[in-house]
Amino acid sequence: MKKYSVLAILLMVFSLPLGAQALLPPGPAEQALMESAFNGDLEGVQRLLADGANVNATGMEQRSALMGASFNGHTAVADLLAKGDR
């Protein structure tokens, strides 16, 4: 019984940041990635990905850089972002 209590506490503690992370706004690199993708700036997207921007990040409306590039018809940017999603 004691092990179960410790396990339950650990699960609660370590799962909280994961759930809360979805509510946080994107960081500056991720915001720049979304803007570059939305505008079709292939070189900017390449640079931001190389610098470590999170390709899976979403904005406050839960839209990703890939969604922005696809919506605006920037196929080269969308292809690059899709390949970066590994």
Foldseek 3Di string as FASTA:
>chain_A
DVVVVVVVVVCVVVCVVVVVVLQDAADPLQVQLLVCLLVLVQVSNVVSVVVPHDQCDAGNVRDGSLNSNVVNVNVVNNVVSVVSPD
